[in-house]
Protein backbone atom coordinates (compact mmCIF):
# COMPACT_ATOMS: atom_id res chain seq x y z
CA MET A 1 232.15 57.78 138.13
CA LYS A 2 233.61 57.14 134.59
CA ARG A 3 231.59 57.45 131.61
CA THR A 4 230.97 53.90 129.65
CA GLN A 5 232.36 54.26 125.92
CA GLN A 6 228.51 54.35 124.62
CA GLU A 7 227.67 57.16 126.74
CA VAL A 8 230.57 59.05 125.21
CA LEU A 9 229.82 58.18 121.78
CA ASP A 10 226.83 59.34 122.15
CA LEU A 11 227.66 62.86 123.28
CA TYR A 12 230.38 63.10 120.26
CA GLU A 13 227.64 62.31 117.92
CA LYS A 14 225.60 64.52 119.51
CA TYR A 15 227.50 67.95 120.06
CA TYR A 16 231.02 67.18 117.88
CA GLU A 17 229.92 69.58 115.20
CA MET A 18 229.03 72.36 117.40
CA VAL A 19 232.03 71.95 119.41
CA TRP A 20 234.25 71.91 116.45
CA ARG A 21 232.24 75.38 115.62
CA ILE A 22 233.00 76.95 118.51
CA CYS A 23 236.77 75.95 117.97
CA LEU A 24 236.77 77.32 114.57
CA VAL A 25 235.45 80.34 115.76
CA ARG A 26 237.77 80.72 118.51
CA PHE A 27 241.21 79.99 116.15
CA GLY A 28 239.84 80.59 112.63
CA ASN A 29 241.59 77.61 111.48
CA THR A 30 240.15 74.56 110.97
CA HIS A 31 243.14 72.51 111.73
CA ASP A 32 243.45 74.01 115.14
CA ALA A 33 239.51 73.46 115.56
CA TYR A 34 239.67 69.92 115.12
CA ASP A 35 242.62 69.17 117.48
CA ALA A 36 241.03 71.48 120.27
CA ALA A 37 237.52 69.69 119.66
CA GLN A 38 239.02 66.18 120.06
CA GLU A 39 240.83 67.66 123.01
CA THR A 40 237.63 68.58 124.69
CA PHE A 41 236.05 64.70 124.30
CA VAL A 42 239.18 63.13 125.37
CA ARG A 43 238.63 65.68 128.59
CA LEU A 44 234.71 64.55 128.89
CA MET A 45 236.69 60.83 128.85
CA SER A 46 238.44 61.51 131.54
CA ASP A 47 236.03 63.81 133.50
CA THR A 48 233.37 62.14 136.48
CA LYS A 49 231.16 64.61 136.68
CA SER A 50 227.72 63.95 136.26
CA PHE A 51 225.23 65.83 134.41
CA HIS A 52 222.17 67.12 135.37
CA ASN A 53 220.45 67.23 131.93
CA GLU A 54 220.95 67.54 128.49
CA GLU A 55 221.94 71.23 128.71
CA HIS A 56 224.22 70.59 131.29
CA GLU A 57 226.11 68.57 129.18
CA LYS A 58 226.11 70.97 126.44
CA ALA A 59 227.15 73.98 128.44
CA TRP A 60 229.80 71.79 129.93
CA LEU A 61 231.51 70.49 126.82
CA ILE A 62 230.98 74.42 125.45
CA ARG A 63 232.78 75.83 128.21
CA THR A 64 235.11 73.11 128.21
CA ALA A 65 235.85 73.77 124.62
CA ILE A 66 236.40 77.30 125.26
CA ASN A 67 238.87 76.96 128.29
CA TYR A 68 241.02 74.90 125.98
CA CYS A 69 240.92 76.87 123.10
CA LYS A 70 241.91 79.91 125.54
CA ASP A 71 245.07 77.91 127.06
CA VAL A 72 246.29 77.13 123.80
CA MET A 73 246.16 80.77 122.49
CA LYS A 74 247.97 81.57 125.81
CA SER A 75 250.58 79.28 125.16
CA SER A 76 254.03 80.53 123.71
CA HIS A 77 253.98 78.08 121.19
CA TRP A 78 250.71 79.48 119.44
CA LYS A 79 252.11 82.75 120.10
CA ARG A 80 254.77 81.63 117.91
CA GLU A 81 253.10 79.80 115.38
CA ILE A 82 250.97 80.95 112.54
CA GLY A 83 248.00 78.85 111.93
CA LEU A 84 248.64 75.78 108.94
CA ASP A 85 245.77 77.94 106.89
CA GLY A 86 246.59 81.56 108.32
CA GLY A 87 243.67 82.20 110.35
CA LYS A 88 241.75 82.31 106.57
CA PRO A 89 238.13 81.51 106.49
CA PRO A 90 237.75 77.66 106.04
CA GLU A 91 237.71 75.83 102.77
CA ALA A 92 234.71 75.56 100.73
CA GLY A 93 231.23 73.46 102.27
CA VAL A 94 232.29 74.46 106.18
CA VAL A 95 230.31 77.42 105.95
CA PRO A 96 227.02 77.61 103.44
CA ASN A 97 227.38 80.04 100.60
CA GLU A 98 224.71 82.28 101.44
CA TYR A 99 226.57 82.89 104.86
CA SER A 100 230.20 82.86 103.38
CA GLU A 101 230.24 86.77 103.56
CA VAL A 102 228.65 87.14 107.11
CA TYR A 103 231.11 84.08 108.37
CA GLU A 104 234.38 86.04 107.01
CA ALA A 105 233.06 89.39 108.14
CA MET A 106 232.40 87.52 111.78
CA MET A 107 236.13 86.23 111.45
CA GLU A 108 237.48 89.28 111.06
CA LEU A 109 236.08 90.38 114.40
CA PRO A 110 238.32 90.22 117.64
CA GLU A 111 238.03 86.47 119.24
CA LYS A 112 235.80 88.23 121.83
CA TYR A 113 233.06 89.12 119.41
CA ARG A 114 233.22 86.19 117.36
CA VAL A 115 232.14 83.68 120.00
CA ILE A 116 229.03 85.31 121.44
CA LEU A 117 227.64 86.07 118.25
CA TYR A 118 228.14 82.12 117.45
CA LEU A 119 226.59 81.19 120.92
CA HIS A 120 223.83 83.53 120.31
CA TYR A 121 222.64 83.05 116.86
CA TYR A 122 224.05 79.74 115.81
CA GLU A 123 223.48 77.72 119.15
CA GLY A 124 220.40 80.11 120.46
CA TYR A 125 221.62 80.57 123.68
CA SER A 126 220.24 83.77 125.40
CA GLN A 127 223.14 86.68 126.37
CA LYS A 128 222.39 85.77 129.90
CA GLU A 129 223.29 82.59 129.52
CA ILE A 130 226.44 83.11 127.09
CA ALA A 131 227.28 85.50 130.33
CA ARG A 132 227.18 82.78 132.67
CA MET A 133 228.85 80.23 130.24
CA MET A 134 231.97 82.71 129.67
CA LYS A 135 231.70 83.60 133.09
CA THR A 136 231.57 87.44 132.17
CA ASN A 137 229.67 90.35 133.78
CA ALA A 138 226.24 90.44 132.20
CA SER A 139 226.62 93.77 131.22
CA THR A 140 229.97 93.59 129.96
CA LEU A 141 228.77 90.75 127.56
CA ARG A 142 225.82 93.01 126.77
CA SER A 143 228.08 95.60 125.94
CA ARG A 144 230.38 93.39 123.73
CA PHE A 145 226.93 92.08 121.87
CA ALA A 146 226.41 95.11 121.06
CA LYS A 147 229.56 96.65 119.55
CA ALA A 148 229.73 92.77 117.58
CA LYS A 149 226.92 93.49 115.90
CA GLU A 150 227.70 97.25 114.88
CA LEU A 151 230.95 95.87 113.79
CA MET A 152 229.29 93.50 111.72
CA LYS A 153 226.44 96.03 110.36
CA VAL A 154 229.86 98.05 109.11
CA TYR A 155 231.68 95.56 107.61
CA LEU A 156 228.83 94.01 105.96
CA GLU A 157 227.65 97.44 104.82
CA GLU A 158 230.66 98.50 103.01
CA GLU A 159 231.76 94.78 101.56
CA MET A 160 228.58 94.11 100.36
CA PRO A 161 227.13 95.64 96.82
CA LYS A 162 224.12 97.44 97.36
CA GLU A 163 221.97 95.50 94.40
CA GLN A 164 222.56 92.35 96.92
CA GLY A 165 220.06 93.39 99.11
CA LYS A 166 221.65 94.47 102.22
CA CYS A 167 218.95 94.35 104.50
CA GLU A 168 217.64 91.27 103.56
CA VAL A 169 221.11 89.72 104.26
CA LEU A 170 221.72 91.15 107.17
CA GLN A 171 218.15 90.52 108.80
CA LYS A 172 218.62 86.71 107.31
CA CYS A 173 221.58 86.34 109.36
CA PHE A 174 221.47 88.57 112.24
CA PRO A 175 218.06 89.81 113.09
CA ASP A 176 217.34 90.95 116.75
CA GLU A 177 215.12 89.89 118.96
CA LYS A 178 212.47 91.98 117.60
CA GLY A 179 213.02 90.78 114.15
CA ALA A 180 214.69 94.59 112.96
CA VAL A 181 217.83 94.97 111.02
CA LEU A 182 221.10 94.94 113.07
């Protein structure tokens, strides 16, 4: 059964920003992220699947956005073109200033690491949930997650002056489950 216009609008208002940020993490530029987020909701309008609960609808949108981004990045057009903003971090205001260095560091990581960090730390998904959404083996995801955290730590320690309080910034942005620094 097709969704009503109001149902789609409600889901759009509720999840658009989350979907856009996932696409932004995948592409690294705002223009492609906007296009991908819009396409995700176009696909929602034409999909007839009914959702079991709120978590199911959120997971469907995340998976659809990730799949769409993956398809675009595999296309020959994508491989020939350079994004309008060259994959640079987005303009001011997209990421709060206190996290801009962390965001820049995250955008330097390979795409497979960026997405899992975003889903875990910004969307609150467990590693097990992320593995299921990304259709990845749980142990592979745990390894990638550990590698991503290590790469972030190295980058932030190299880039951040000692007087800024590295530990506080790292702790604030990427605490582990026990609250310890990376």
